[in-house]
Amino acid sequence: MEEEGMEDISLKELAKKLDEFAKARDWQNYHTPRNLLLAMVGEVGEVSEIFQWRGEVEKGLANWEESEKEHLGEELSDVLLYLIRLADICGIDLPHAATKKLLKNAIKYPPNSNPFSS
């Protein structure tokens, strides 16, 4: 896979690439909803380990080494890729579902509302 132009790839394009990746390795039988969910949860745990014991961190991770940011990017990518694959295997149009959920949240939490205030 080439890196050039990849920053503008859609979720649907990523799902297609993930499907091709799995087929090329004969992994389809292992990509069940349960297995993909458990793999994703494991990756979320790896993201959590990166933040463990750091306390709150600044937006933009200004005090982090580039290697730490790169590692975080890799682990976040693993979570995203498993999520996209899980949605695809389950027949969920993730961009559509996410847009629909955002609209529901806009109604539930109108501007000037603060769900974090007591």
PDB file of N, CA and C in Angstrom:
ATOM      1  N   MET A   1       0.837  -1.182   0.000  1.00  0.00           N
ATOM      2  CA  MET A   1       0.000   0.000   0.000  1.00  0.00           C
ATOM      3  C   MET A   1       0.878   1.241   0.000  1.00  0.00           C
ATOM      4  N   GLU A   2       0.535   2.183  -0.837  1.00  0.00           N
ATOM      5  CA  GLU A   2       1.285   3.426  -0.900  1.00  0.00           C
ATOM      6  C   GLU A   2       0.738   4.390   0.131  1.00  0.00           C
ATOM      7  N   GLU A   3       1.627   5.236   0.679  1.00  0.00           N
ATOM      8  CA  GLU A   3       1.196   6.215   1.665  1.00  0.00           C
ATOM      9  C   GLU A   3       0.639   7.475   1.022  1.00  0.00           C
ATOM     10  N   GLU A   4       1.104   7.821  -0.165  1.00  0.00           N
ATOM     11  CA  GLU A   4       0.691   9.052  -0.809  1.00  0.00           C
ATOM     12  C   GLU A   4      -0.807   9.050  -1.069  1.00  0.00           C
ATOM     13  N   GLY A   5      -1.487  10.138  -0.669  1.00  0.00           N
ATOM     14  CA  GLY A   5      -2.918  10.271  -0.914  1.00  0.00           C
ATOM     15  C   GLY A   5      -3.798   9.503   0.059  1.00  0.00           C
ATOM     16  N   MET A   6      -3.221   8.826   1.024  1.00  0.00           N
ATOM     17  CA  MET A   6      -4.006   7.998   1.934  1.00  0.00           C
ATOM     18  C   MET A   6      -4.759   8.823   2.968  1.00  0.00           C
ATOM     19  N   GLU A   7      -4.347  10.070   3.200  1.00  0.00           N
ATOM     20  CA  GLU A   7      -4.987  10.861   4.241  1.00  0.00           C
ATOM     21  C   GLU A   7      -6.440  11.195   3.908  1.00  0.00           C
ATOM     22  N   ASP A   8      -6.829  11.113   2.644  1.00  0.00           N
ATOM     23  CA  ASP A   8      -8.180  11.456   2.237  1.00  0.00           C
ATOM     24  C   ASP A   8      -9.057  10.223   1.995  1.00  0.00           C
ATOM     25  N   ILE A   9      -8.634   9.094   2.433  1.00  0.00           N
ATOM     26  CA  ILE A   9      -9.380   7.854   2.177  1.00  0.00           C
ATOM     27  C   ILE A   9     -10.659   7.833   3.023  1.00  0.00           C
ATOM     28  N   SER A  10     -11.733   7.329   2.435  1.00  0.00           N
ATOM     29  CA  SER A  10     -13.006   7.253   3.143  1.00  0.00           C
ATOM     30  C   SER A  10     -13.071   5.972   3.974  1.00  0.00           C
ATOM     31  N   LEU A  11     -14.031   5.932   4.886  1.00  0.00           N
ATOM     32  CA  LEU A  11     -14.224   4.721   5.683  1.00  0.00           C
ATOM     33  C   LEU A  11     -14.641   3.557   4.788  1.00  0.00           C
ATOM     34  N   LYS A  12     -15.428   3.830   3.775  1.00  0.00           N
ATOM     35  CA  LYS A  12     -15.846   2.766   2.854  1.00  0.00           C
ATOM     36  C   LYS A  12     -14.647   2.221   2.083  1.00  0.00           C
ATOM     37  N   GLU A  13     -13.727   3.109   1.695  1.00  0.00           N
ATOM     38  CA  GLU A  13     -12.520   2.658   1.004  1.00  0.00           C
ATOM     39  C   GLU A  13     -11.636   1.836   1.937  1.00  0.00           C
ATOM     40  N   LEU A  14     -11.543   2.277   3.193  1.00  0.00           N
ATOM     41  CA  LEU A  14     -10.777   1.502   4.175  1.00  0.00           C
ATOM     42  C   LEU A  14     -11.401   0.128   4.377  1.00  0.00           C
ATOM     43  N   ALA A  15     -12.729   0.061   4.453  1.00  0.00           N
ATOM     44  CA  ALA A  15     -13.412  -1.229   4.620  1.00  0.00           C
ATOM     45  C   ALA A  15     -13.087  -2.152   3.455  1.00  0.00           C
ATOM     46  N   LYS A  16     -13.081  -1.614   2.253  1.00  0.00           N
ATOM     47  CA  LYS A  16     -12.753  -2.421   1.078  1.00  0.00           C
ATOM     48  C   LYS A  16     -11.313  -2.918   1.149  1.00  0.00           C
ATOM     49  N   LYS A  17     -10.378  -2.037   1.533  1.00  0.00           N
ATOM     50  CA  LYS A  17      -8.975  -2.431   1.646  1.00  0.00           C
ATOM     51  C   LYS A  17      -8.790  -3.496   2.731  1.00  0.00           C
ATOM     52  N   LEU A  18      -9.511  -3.356   3.838  1.00  0.00           N
ATOM     53  CA  LEU A  18      -9.434  -4.352   4.908  1.00  0.00           C
ATOM     54  C   LEU A  18      -9.977  -5.698   4.443  1.00  0.00           C
ATOM     55  N   ASP A  19     -11.050  -5.665   3.672  1.00  0.00           N
ATOM     56  CA  ASP A  19     -11.610  -6.908   3.140  1.00  0.00           C
ATOM     57  C   ASP A  19     -10.617  -7.577   2.195  1.00  0.00           C
ATOM     58  N   GLU A  20     -10.015  -6.802   1.323  1.00  0.00           N
ATOM     59  CA  GLU A  20      -9.003  -7.339   0.403  1.00  0.00           C
ATOM     60  C   GLU A  20      -7.808  -7.898   1.172  1.00  0.00           C
ATOM     61  N   PHE A  21      -7.381  -7.190   2.210  1.00  0.00           N
ATOM     62  CA  PHE A  21      -6.261  -7.615   3.052  1.00  0.00           C
ATOM     63  C   PHE A  21      -6.561  -8.971   3.685  1.00  0.00           C
ATOM     64  N   ALA A  22      -7.779  -9.101   4.246  1.00  0.00           N
ATOM     65  CA  ALA A  22      -8.170 -10.352   4.903  1.00  0.00           C
ATOM     66  C   ALA A  22      -8.280 -11.494   3.895  1.00  0.00           C
ATOM     67  N   LYS A  23      -8.863 -11.215   2.741  1.00  0.00           N
ATOM     68  CA  LYS A  23      -9.013 -12.251   1.718  1.00  0.00           C
ATOM     69  C   LYS A  23      -7.656 -12.732   1.210  1.00  0.00           C
ATOM     70  N   ALA A  24      -6.721 -11.816   1.019  1.00  0.00           N
ATOM     71  CA  ALA A  24      -5.388 -12.178   0.518  1.00  0.00           C
ATOM     72  C   ALA A  24      -4.655 -13.094   1.495  1.00  0.00           C
ATOM     73  N   ARG A  25      -5.027 -13.045   2.768  1.00  0.00           N
ATOM     74  CA  ARG A  25      -4.369 -13.853   3.797  1.00  0.00           C
ATOM     75  C   ARG A  25      -5.247 -15.006   4.268  1.00  0.00           C
ATOM     76  N   ASP A  26      -6.423 -15.150   3.647  1.00  0.00           N
ATOM     77  CA  ASP A  26      -7.387 -16.190   3.995  1.00  0.00           C
ATOM     78  C   ASP A  26      -7.806 -16.093   5.467  1.00  0.00           C
ATOM     79  N   TRP A  27      -8.078 -14.868   5.906  1.00  0.00           N
ATOM     80  CA  TRP A  27      -8.463 -14.619   7.294  1.00  0.00           C
ATOM     81  C   TRP A  27      -9.969 -14.479   7.491  1.00  0.00           C
ATOM     82  N   GLN A  28     -10.775 -14.598   6.431  1.00  0.00           N
ATOM     83  CA  GLN A  28     -12.205 -14.330   6.548  1.00  0.00           C
ATOM     84  C   GLN A  28     -12.873 -15.150   7.647  1.00  0.00           C
ATOM     85  N   ASN A  29     -12.487 -16.418   7.778  1.00  0.00           N
ATOM     86  CA  ASN A  29     -13.113 -17.274   8.792  1.00  0.00           C
ATOM     87  C   ASN A  29     -12.822 -16.813  10.210  1.00  0.00           C
ATOM     88  N   TYR A  30     -11.741 -16.088  10.391  1.00  0.00           N
ATOM     89  CA  TYR A  30     -11.373 -15.601  11.727  1.00  0.00           C
ATOM     90  C   TYR A  30     -12.002 -14.250  12.039  1.00  0.00           C
ATOM     91  N   HIS A  31     -12.469 -13.568  11.012  1.00  0.00           N
ATOM     92  CA  HIS A  31     -13.034 -12.244  11.206  1.00  0.00           C
ATOM     93  C   HIS A  31     -14.530 -12.327  11.494  1.00  0.00           C
ATOM     94  N   THR A  32     -14.838 -12.960  12.610  1.00  0.00           N
ATOM     95  CA  THR A  32     -16.217 -13.011  13.088  1.00  0.00           C
ATOM     96  C   THR A  32     -16.463 -11.775  13.944  1.00  0.00           C
ATOM     97  N   PRO A  33     -17.719 -11.389  14.122  1.00  0.00           N
ATOM     98  CA  PRO A  33     -17.985 -10.226  14.977  1.00  0.00           C
ATOM     99  C   PRO A  33     -17.336 -10.346  16.357  1.00  0.00           C
ATOM    100  N   ARG A  34     -17.464 -11.504  16.980  1.00  0.00           N
ATOM    101  CA  ARG A  34     -16.895 -11.692  18.322  1.00  0.00           C
ATOM    102  C   ARG A  34     -15.379 -11.521  18.314  1.00  0.00           C
ATOM    103  N   ASN A  35     -14.703 -12.184  17.370  1.00  0.00           N
ATOM    104  CA  ASN A  35     -13.245 -12.097  17.308  1.00  0.00           C
ATOM    105  C   ASN A  35     -12.773 -10.672  17.040  1.00  0.00           C
ATOM    106  N   LEU A  36     -13.466  -9.993  16.139  1.00  0.00           N
ATOM    107  CA  LEU A  36     -13.077  -8.615  15.827  1.00  0.00           C
ATOM    108  C   LEU A  36     -13.310  -7.697  17.024  1.00  0.00           C
ATOM    109  N   LEU A  37     -14.414  -7.890  17.713  1.00  0.00           N
ATOM    110  CA  LEU A  37     -14.686  -7.087  18.910  1.00  0.00           C
ATOM    111  C   LEU A  37     -13.604  -7.300  19.961  1.00  0.00           C
ATOM    112  N   LEU A  38     -13.264  -8.554  20.219  1.00  0.00           N
ATOM    113  CA  LEU A  38     -12.240  -8.838  21.234  1.00  0.00           C
ATOM    114  C   LEU A  38     -10.877  -8.282  20.823  1.00  0.00           C
ATOM    115  N   ALA A  39     -10.563  -8.367  19.552  1.00  0.00           N
ATOM    116  CA  ALA A  39      -9.302  -7.802  19.071  1.00  0.00           C
ATOM    117  C   ALA A  39      -9.301  -6.287  19.253  1.00  0.00           C
ATOM    118  N   MET A  40     -10.432  -5.642  18.958  1.00  0.00           N
ATOM    119  CA  MET A  40     -10.523  -4.195  19.111  1.00  0.00           C
ATOM    120  C   MET A  40     -10.384  -3.788  20.575  1.00  0.00           C
ATOM    121  N   VAL A  41     -11.035  -4.521  21.458  1.00  0.00           N
ATOM    122  CA  VAL A  41     -10.932  -4.234  22.890  1.00  0.00           C
ATOM    123  C   VAL A  41      -9.473  -4.365  23.348  1.00  0.00           C
ATOM    124  N   GLY A  42      -8.768  -5.373  22.841  1.00  0.00           N
ATOM    125  CA  GLY A  42      -7.348  -5.519  23.162  1.00  0.00           C
ATOM    126  C   GLY A  42      -6.551  -4.312  22.715  1.00  0.00           C
ATOM    127  N   GLU A  43      -6.871  -3.783  21.541  1.00  0.00           N
ATOM    128  CA  GLU A  43      -6.169  -2.606  21.045  1.00  0.00           C
ATOM    129  C   GLU A  43      -6.512  -1.362  21.865  1.00  0.00           C
ATOM    130  N   VAL A  44      -7.768  -1.255  22.305  1.00  0.00           N
ATOM    131  CA  VAL A  44      -8.148  -0.142  23.190  1.00  0.00           C
ATOM    132  C   VAL A  44      -7.322  -0.221  24.476  1.00  0.00           C
ATOM    133  N   GLY A  45      -7.094  -1.442  24.959  1.00  0.00           N
ATOM    134  CA  GLY A  45      -6.238  -1.628  26.133  1.00  0.00           C
ATOM    135  C   GLY A  45      -4.828  -1.132  25.876  1.00  0.00           C
ATOM    136  N   GLU A  46      -4.309  -1.348  24.668  1.00  0.00           N
ATOM    137  CA  GLU A  46      -2.967  -0.867  24.344  1.00  0.00           C
ATOM    138  C   GLU A  46      -2.927   0.657  24.301  1.00  0.00           C
ATOM    139  N   VAL A  47      -3.996   1.290  23.816  1.00  0.00           N
ATOM    140  CA  VAL A  47      -4.070   2.761  23.856  1.00  0.00           C
ATOM    141  C   VAL A  47      -4.098   3.224  25.305  1.00  0.00           C
ATOM    142  N   SER A  48      -4.871   2.526  26.126  1.00  0.00           N
ATOM    143  CA  SER A  48      -4.960   2.886  27.544  1.00  0.00           C
ATOM    144  C   SER A  48      -3.603   2.807  28.227  1.00  0.00           C
ATOM    145  N   GLU A  49      -2.817   1.792  27.898  1.00  0.00           N
ATOM    146  CA  GLU A  49      -1.484   1.646  28.492  1.00  0.00           C
ATOM    147  C   GLU A  49      -0.584   2.839  28.173  1.00  0.00           C
ATOM    148  N   ILE A  50      -0.750   3.401  26.995  1.00  0.00           N
ATOM    149  CA  ILE A  50       0.065   4.558  26.617  1.00  0.00           C
ATOM    150  C   ILE A  50      -0.225   5.740  27.533  1.00  0.00           C
ATOM    151  N   PHE A  51      -1.483   5.907  27.926  1.00  0.00           N
ATOM    152  CA  PHE A  51      -1.881   7.033  28.776  1.00  0.00           C
ATOM    153  C   PHE A  51      -1.759   6.729  30.270  1.00  0.00           C
ATOM    154  N   GLN A  52      -1.640   5.449  30.603  1.00  0.00           N
ATOM    155  CA  GLN A  52      -1.598   5.053  32.008  1.00  0.00           C
ATOM    156  C   GLN A  52      -0.453   5.745  32.727  1.00  0.00           C
ATOM    157  N   TRP A  53      -0.725   6.259  33.892  1.00  0.00           N
ATOM    158  CA  TRP A  53       0.229   6.876  34.800  1.00  0.00           C
ATOM    159  C   TRP A  53       0.717   8.254  34.340  1.00  0.00           C
ATOM    160  N   ARG A  54       0.168   8.791  33.280  1.00  0.00           N
ATOM    161  CA  ARG A  54       0.593  10.112  32.810  1.00  0.00           C
ATOM    162  C   ARG A  54      -0.230  11.242  33.420  1.00  0.00           C
ATOM    163  N   GLY A  55      -1.367  10.912  34.016  1.00  0.00           N
ATOM    164  CA  GLY A  55      -2.270  11.974  34.454  1.00  0.00           C
ATOM    165  C   GLY A  55      -2.891  12.622  33.227  1.00  0.00           C
ATOM    166  N   GLU A  56      -3.427  13.821  33.406  1.00  0.00           N
ATOM    167  CA  GLU A  56      -3.998  14.533  32.257  1.00  0.00           C
ATOM    168  C   GLU A  56      -2.871  14.970  31.329  1.00  0.00           C
ATOM    169  N   VAL A  57      -3.143  14.935  30.046  1.00  0.00           N
ATOM    170  CA  VAL A  57      -2.153  15.373  29.063  1.00  0.00           C
ATOM    171  C   VAL A  57      -2.728  16.547  28.273  1.00  0.00           C
ATOM    172  N   GLU A  58      -1.835  17.380  27.776  1.00  0.00           N
ATOM    173  CA  GLU A  58      -2.262  18.556  27.027  1.00  0.00           C
ATOM    174  C   GLU A  58      -2.762  18.172  25.638  1.00  0.00           C
ATOM    175  N   LYS A  59      -3.719  18.934  25.175  1.00  0.00           N
ATOM    176  CA  LYS A  59      -4.191  18.776  23.798  1.00  0.00           C
ATOM    177  C   LYS A  59      -3.002  18.956  22.862  1.00  0.00           C
ATOM    178  N   GLY A  60      -2.888  18.079  21.900  1.00  0.00           N
ATOM    179  CA  GLY A  60      -1.766  18.148  20.966  1.00  0.00           C
ATOM    180  C   GLY A  60      -0.526  17.409  21.436  1.00  0.00           C
ATOM    181  N   LEU A  61      -0.546  16.941  22.681  1.00  0.00           N
ATOM    182  CA  LEU A  61       0.549  16.146  23.249  1.00  0.00           C
ATOM    183  C   LEU A  61       1.902  16.859  23.112  1.00  0.00           C
ATOM    184  N   ALA A  62       1.912  18.127  23.448  1.00  0.00           N
ATOM    185  CA  ALA A  62       3.092  18.974  23.253  1.00  0.00           C
ATOM    186  C   ALA A  62       4.353  18.434  23.929  1.00  0.00           C
ATOM    187  N   ASN A  63       4.216  17.784  25.055  1.00  0.00           N
ATOM    188  CA  ASN A  63       5.398  17.311  25.795  1.00  0.00           C
ATOM    189  C   ASN A  63       5.783  15.875  25.460  1.00  0.00           C
ATOM    190  N   TRP A  64       5.182  15.307  24.448  1.00  0.00           N
ATOM    191  CA  TRP A  64       5.470  13.925  24.081  1.00  0.00           C
ATOM    192  C   TRP A  64       6.569  13.876  23.028  1.00  0.00           C
ATOM    193  N   GLU A  65       7.342  12.803  23.081  1.00  0.00           N
ATOM    194  CA  GLU A  65       8.351  12.546  22.048  1.00  0.00           C
ATOM    195  C   GLU A  65       7.631  12.134  20.761  1.00  0.00           C
ATOM    196  N   GLU A  66       8.260  12.384  19.626  1.00  0.00           N
ATOM    197  CA  GLU A  66       7.673  11.977  18.346  1.00  0.00           C
ATOM    198  C   GLU A  66       7.429  10.477  18.299  1.00  0.00           C
ATOM    199  N   SER A  67       8.336   9.703  18.875  1.00  0.00           N
ATOM    200  CA  SER A  67       8.170   8.247  18.872  1.00  0.00           C
ATOM    201  C   SER A  67       6.934   7.839  19.682  1.00  0.00           C
ATOM    202  N   GLU A  68       6.641   8.571  20.750  1.00  0.00           N
ATOM    203  CA  GLU A  68       5.449   8.279  21.550  1.00  0.00           C
ATOM    204  C   GLU A  68       4.175   8.609  20.767  1.00  0.00           C
ATOM    205  N   LYS A  69       4.202   9.732  20.065  1.00  0.00           N
ATOM    206  CA  LYS A  69       3.052  10.113  19.240  1.00  0.00           C
ATOM    207  C   LYS A  69       2.840   9.100  18.110  1.00  0.00           C
ATOM    208  N   GLU A  70       3.931   8.652  17.521  1.00  0.00           N
ATOM    209  CA  GLU A  70       3.829   7.667  16.445  1.00  0.00           C
ATOM    210  C   GLU A  70       3.240   6.361  16.970  1.00  0.00           C
ATOM    211  N   HIS A  71       3.696   5.935  18.143  1.00  0.00           N
ATOM    212  CA  HIS A  71       3.165   4.718  18.760  1.00  0.00           C
ATOM    213  C   HIS A  71       1.671   4.867  19.031  1.00  0.00           C
ATOM    214  N   LEU A  72       1.267   6.007  19.571  1.00  0.00           N
ATOM    215  CA  LEU A  72      -0.151   6.260  19.821  1.00  0.00           C
ATOM    216  C   LEU A  72      -0.931   6.207  18.508  1.00  0.00           C
ATOM    217  N   GLY A  73      -0.400   6.815  17.466  1.00  0.00           N
ATOM    218  CA  GLY A  73      -1.071   6.792  16.172  1.00  0.00           C
ATOM    219  C   GLY A  73      -1.263   5.381  15.643  1.00  0.00           C
ATOM    220  N   GLU A  74      -0.272   4.538  15.844  1.00  0.00           N
ATOM    221  CA  GLU A  74      -0.379   3.148  15.405  1.00  0.00           C
ATOM    222  C   GLU A  74      -1.469   2.408  16.169  1.00  0.00           C
ATOM    223  N   GLU A  75      -1.503   2.605  17.481  1.00  0.00           N
ATOM    224  CA  GLU A  75      -2.502   1.901  18.294  1.00  0.00           C
ATOM    225  C   GLU A  75      -3.906   2.423  18.028  1.00  0.00           C
ATOM    226  N   LEU A  76      -4.055   3.744  17.860  1.00  0.00           N
ATOM    227  CA  LEU A  76      -5.364   4.297  17.512  1.00  0.00           C
ATOM    228  C   LEU A  76      -5.810   3.781  16.146  1.00  0.00           C
ATOM    229  N   SER A  77      -4.866   3.630  15.237  1.00  0.00           N
ATOM    230  CA  SER A  77      -5.183   3.083  13.914  1.00  0.00           C
ATOM    231  C   SER A  77      -5.664   1.652  14.024  1.00  0.00           C
ATOM    232  N   ASP A  78      -5.045   0.865  14.885  1.00  0.00           N
ATOM    233  CA  ASP A  78      -5.497  -0.515  15.090  1.00  0.00           C
ATOM    234  C   ASP A  78      -6.948  -0.538  15.567  1.00  0.00           C
ATOM    235  N   VAL A  79      -7.288   0.348  16.511  1.00  0.00           N
ATOM    236  CA  VAL A  79      -8.668   0.419  17.016  1.00  0.00           C
ATOM    237  C   VAL A  79      -9.614   0.782  15.869  1.00  0.00           C
ATOM    238  N   LEU A  80      -9.249   1.796  15.099  1.00  0.00           N
ATOM    239  CA  LEU A  80     -10.093   2.240  13.995  1.00  0.00           C
ATOM    240  C   LEU A  80     -10.281   1.138  12.959  1.00  0.00           C
ATOM    241  N   LEU A  81      -9.207   0.476  12.599  1.00  0.00           N
ATOM    242  CA  LEU A  81      -9.298  -0.564  11.574  1.00  0.00           C
ATOM    243  C   LEU A  81     -10.159  -1.733  12.027  1.00  0.00           C
ATOM    244  N   TYR A  82     -10.026  -2.143  13.282  1.00  0.00           N
ATOM    245  CA  TYR A  82     -10.894  -3.208  13.794  1.00  0.00           C
ATOM    246  C   TYR A  82     -12.354  -2.752  13.841  1.00  0.00           C
ATOM    247  N   LEU A  83     -12.594  -1.490  14.215  1.00  0.00           N
ATOM    248  CA  LEU A  83     -13.957  -0.969  14.256  1.00  0.00           C
ATOM    249  C   LEU A  83     -14.574  -0.971  12.858  1.00  0.00           C
ATOM    250  N   ILE A  84     -13.823  -0.512  11.875  1.00  0.00           N
ATOM    251  CA  ILE A  84     -14.318  -0.496  10.499  1.00  0.00           C
ATOM    252  C   ILE A  84     -14.600  -1.913  10.012  1.00  0.00           C
ATOM    253  N   ARG A  85     -13.689  -2.830  10.296  1.00  0.00           N
ATOM    254  CA  ARG A  85     -13.867  -4.225   9.866  1.00  0.00           C
ATOM    255  C   ARG A  85     -15.076  -4.848  10.556  1.00  0.00           C
ATOM    256  N   LEU A  86     -15.234  -4.586  11.862  1.00  0.00           N
ATOM    257  CA  LEU A  86     -16.375  -5.115  12.611  1.00  0.00           C
ATOM    258  C   LEU A  86     -17.683  -4.590  12.020  1.00  0.00           C
ATOM    259  N   ALA A  87     -17.746  -3.310  11.758  1.00  0.00           N
ATOM    260  CA  ALA A  87     -18.962  -2.734  11.182  1.00  0.00           C
ATOM    261  C   ALA A  87     -19.260  -3.363   9.825  1.00  0.00           C
ATOM    262  N   ASP A  88     -18.236  -3.528   9.006  1.00  0.00           N
ATOM    263  CA  ASP A  88     -18.414  -4.108   7.679  1.00  0.00           C
ATOM    264  C   ASP A  88     -18.923  -5.551   7.769  1.00  0.00           C
ATOM    265  N   ILE A  89     -18.319  -6.340   8.639  1.00  0.00           N
ATOM    266  CA  ILE A  89     -18.734  -7.740   8.811  1.00  0.00           C
ATOM    267  C   ILE A  89     -20.168  -7.824   9.334  1.00  0.00           C
ATOM    268  N   CYS A  90     -20.571  -6.849  10.144  1.00  0.00           N
ATOM    269  CA  CYS A  90     -21.929  -6.842  10.702  1.00  0.00           C
ATOM    270  C   CYS A  90     -22.947  -6.198   9.764  1.00  0.00           C
ATOM    271  N   GLY A  91     -22.475  -5.690   8.631  1.00  0.00           N
ATOM    272  CA  GLY A  91     -23.388  -5.065   7.683  1.00  0.00           C
ATOM    273  C   GLY A  91     -23.854  -3.683   8.105  1.00  0.00           C
ATOM    274  N   ILE A  92     -23.056  -3.008   8.894  1.00  0.00           N
ATOM    275  CA  ILE A  92     -23.388  -1.657   9.357  1.00  0.00           C
ATOM    276  C   ILE A  92     -22.654  -0.647   8.482  1.00  0.00           C
ATOM    277  N   ASP A  93     -23.403   0.298   7.919  1.00  0.00           N
ATOM    278  CA  ASP A  93     -22.810   1.402   7.169  1.00  0.00           C
ATOM    279  C   ASP A  93     -22.342   2.416   8.205  1.00  0.00           C
ATOM    280  N   LEU A  94     -21.100   2.328   8.590  1.00  0.00           N
ATOM    281  CA  LEU A  94     -20.579   3.126   9.701  1.00  0.00           C
ATOM    282  C   LEU A  94     -20.666   4.631   9.449  1.00  0.00           C
ATOM    283  N   PRO A  95     -20.291   5.142   8.279  1.00  0.00           N
ATOM    284  CA  PRO A  95     -20.449   6.590   8.063  1.00  0.00           C
ATOM    285  C   PRO A  95     -21.907   7.038   8.223  1.00  0.00           C
ATOM    286  N   HIS A  96     -22.844   6.251   7.699  1.00  0.00           N
ATOM    287  CA  HIS A  96     -24.267   6.585   7.826  1.00  0.00           C
ATOM    288  C   HIS A  96     -24.709   6.520   9.291  1.00  0.00           C
ATOM    289  N   ALA A  97     -24.330   5.441   9.974  1.00  0.00           N
ATOM    290  CA  ALA A  97     -24.726   5.269  11.380  1.00  0.00           C
ATOM    291  C   ALA A  97     -24.143   6.379  12.254  1.00  0.00           C
ATOM    292  N   ALA A  98     -22.890   6.757  11.994  1.00  0.00           N
ATOM    293  CA  ALA A  98     -22.249   7.803  12.792  1.00  0.00           C
ATOM    294  C   ALA A  98     -22.899   9.157  12.538  1.00  0.00           C
ATOM    295  N   THR A  99     -23.241   9.447  11.300  1.00  0.00           N
ATOM    296  CA  THR A  99     -23.906  10.707  10.973  1.00  0.00           C
ATOM    297  C   THR A  99     -25.283  10.765  11.626  1.00  0.00           C
ATOM    298  N   LYS A 100     -26.009   9.664  11.561  1.00  0.00           N
ATOM    299  CA  LYS A 100     -27.328   9.581  12.187  1.00  0.00           C
ATOM    300  C   LYS A 100     -27.220   9.776  13.701  1.00  0.00           C
ATOM    301  N   LYS A 101     -26.216   9.169  14.314  1.00  0.00           N
ATOM    302  CA  LYS A 101     -26.007   9.298  15.766  1.00  0.00           C
ATOM    303  C   LYS A 101     -25.646  10.732  16.135  1.00  0.00           C
ATOM    304  N   LEU A 102     -24.833  11.369  15.314  1.00  0.00           N
ATOM    305  CA  LEU A 102     -24.462  12.772  15.561  1.00  0.00           C
ATOM    306  C   LEU A 102     -25.707  13.665  15.535  1.00  0.00           C
ATOM    307  N   LEU A 103     -26.612  13.406  14.592  1.00  0.00           N
ATOM    308  CA  LEU A 103     -27.858  14.174  14.527  1.00  0.00           C
ATOM    309  C   LEU A 103     -28.704  13.944  15.778  1.00  0.00           C
ATOM    310  N   LYS A 104     -28.786  12.694  16.239  1.00  0.00           N
ATOM    311  CA  LYS A 104     -29.524  12.397  17.478  1.00  0.00           C
ATOM    312  C   LYS A 104     -28.898  13.121  18.666  1.00  0.00           C
ATOM    313  N   ASN A 105     -27.567  13.121  18.724  1.00  0.00           N
ATOM    314  CA  ASN A 105     -26.881  13.799  19.830  1.00  0.00           C
ATOM    315  C   ASN A 105     -27.107  15.305  19.778  1.00  0.00           C
ATOM    316  N   ALA A 106     -27.217  15.879  18.575  1.00  0.00           N
ATOM    317  CA  ALA A 106     -27.469  17.317  18.446  1.00  0.00           C
ATOM    318  C   ALA A 106     -28.818  17.690  19.036  1.00  0.00           C
ATOM    319  N   ILE A 107     -29.791  16.807  18.905  1.00  0.00           N
ATOM    320  CA  ILE A 107     -31.112  17.042  19.496  1.00  0.00           C
ATOM    321  C   ILE A 107     -31.055  16.840  21.005  1.00  0.00           C
ATOM    322  N   LYS A 108     -30.384  15.791  21.420  1.00  0.00           N
ATOM    323  CA  LYS A 108     -30.284  15.468  22.851  1.00  0.00           C
ATOM    324  C   LYS A 108     -29.478  16.513  23.616  1.00  0.00           C
ATOM    325  N   TYR A 109     -28.447  17.045  22.977  1.00  0.00           N
ATOM    326  CA  TYR A 109     -27.564  18.027  23.610  1.00  0.00           C
ATOM    327  C   TYR A 109     -27.504  19.280  22.739  1.00  0.00           C
ATOM    328  N   PRO A 110     -28.518  20.136  22.836  1.00  0.00           N
ATOM    329  CA  PRO A 110     -28.515  21.340  22.002  1.00  0.00           C
ATOM    330  C   PRO A 110     -27.369  22.283  22.392  1.00  0.00           C
ATOM    331  N   PRO A 111     -27.026  23.225  21.498  1.00  0.00           N
ATOM    332  CA  PRO A 111     -25.992  24.200  21.847  1.00  0.00           C
ATOM    333  C   PRO A 111     -26.342  24.896  23.163  1.00  0.00           C
ATOM    334  N   ASN A 112     -25.344  25.285  23.878  1.00  0.00           N
ATOM    335  CA  ASN A 112     -25.481  25.965  25.180  1.00  0.00           C
ATOM    336  C   ASN A 112     -25.925  25.029  26.304  1.00  0.00           C
ATOM    337  N   SER A 113     -26.069  23.734  26.014  1.00  0.00           N
ATOM    338  CA  SER A 113     -26.332  22.789  27.091  1.00  0.00           C
ATOM    339  C   SER A 113     -24.980  22.217  27.511  1.00  0.00           C
ATOM    340  N   ASN A 114     -24.854  21.866  28.767  1.00  0.00           N
ATOM    341  CA  ASN A 114     -23.588  21.323  29.254  1.00  0.00           C
ATOM    342  C   ASN A 114     -23.872  20.065  30.072  1.00  0.00           C
ATOM    343  N   PRO A 115     -23.669  18.888  29.454  1.00  0.00           N
ATOM    344  CA  PRO A 115     -23.952  17.659  30.193  1.00  0.00           C
ATOM    345  C   PRO A 115     -22.950  17.404  31.319  1.00  0.00           C
ATOM    346  N   PHE A 116     -21.894  18.191  31.387  1.00  0.00           N
ATOM    347  CA  PHE A 116     -20.863  17.977  32.399  1.00  0.00           C
ATOM    348  C   PHE A 116     -21.067  18.842  33.635  1.00  0.00           C
ATOM    349  N   SER A 117     -22.030  19.772  33.581  1.00  0.00           N
ATOM    350  CA  SER A 117     -22.251  20.597  34.759  1.00  0.00           C
ATOM    351  C   SER A 117     -23.203  19.871  35.694  1.00  0.00           C
ATOM    352  N   SER A 118     -23.072  20.156  36.983  1.00  0.00           N
ATOM    353  CA  SER A 118     -23.922  19.448  37.952  1.00  0.00           C
ATOM    354  C   SER A 118     -25.137  20.225  38.322  1.00  0.00           C
TER     355      SER A 118
END
